Amino acid sequence: MSLEADFSAPHSITEFYGYTACEETVPSAPTGITATWLIQGVISVAFTRPGDADGVDIQYSTDNATWDYFLVEHYTGSSPYATSTSCDNEYFRVRGYNCAGDGSWSSGDWAGPCPP
C-alpha cells in the first residue's frame, strides 16, 4: 500500500497568505487643516487627506503642545469630521496612515474660543 500525498508547499508569502506586501511609503501630512466651532460643544475639523493615505487619525490638545488624546483613530470618512467635544479641546491636528505606517502630523489649528 502506497501513501502518496498530492501536496505542494506555497512558493512565496504572497501565495501562502493570498496578498502582497505593502509597497507604499508612509503618507505625507494632511493639508488645509481648519477647526471651526459649529455650535457650543460641536466642532468641525476639515482637512485635505493625502492621496496615498487609507485614512486619518485626529488628535486634540488644550495647549497646542501636549497631544495626548485622539479624537478619532483610523477615520476613513470624508472631510470635514464633525464631533461633539468639550470647549477645552481647541487645537486639532491630523495625520494620514496606510499599510506602510503613520505619516507626519499636520500643524495644529486653533478653533478659537468656544461659542456661547
Foldseek 3Di string as FASTA:
>chain_A
DDDDDPDDDDPDPCRVVVHDADPDAAFAEWDDWAWAAPAFQKIKTFTHAGPPFQAKWKFFDLPQPDTDGTPDPRHRDHPTDMDGDHQSGFKMWMWGGDSNGIYDIDRIYGHDGGDD
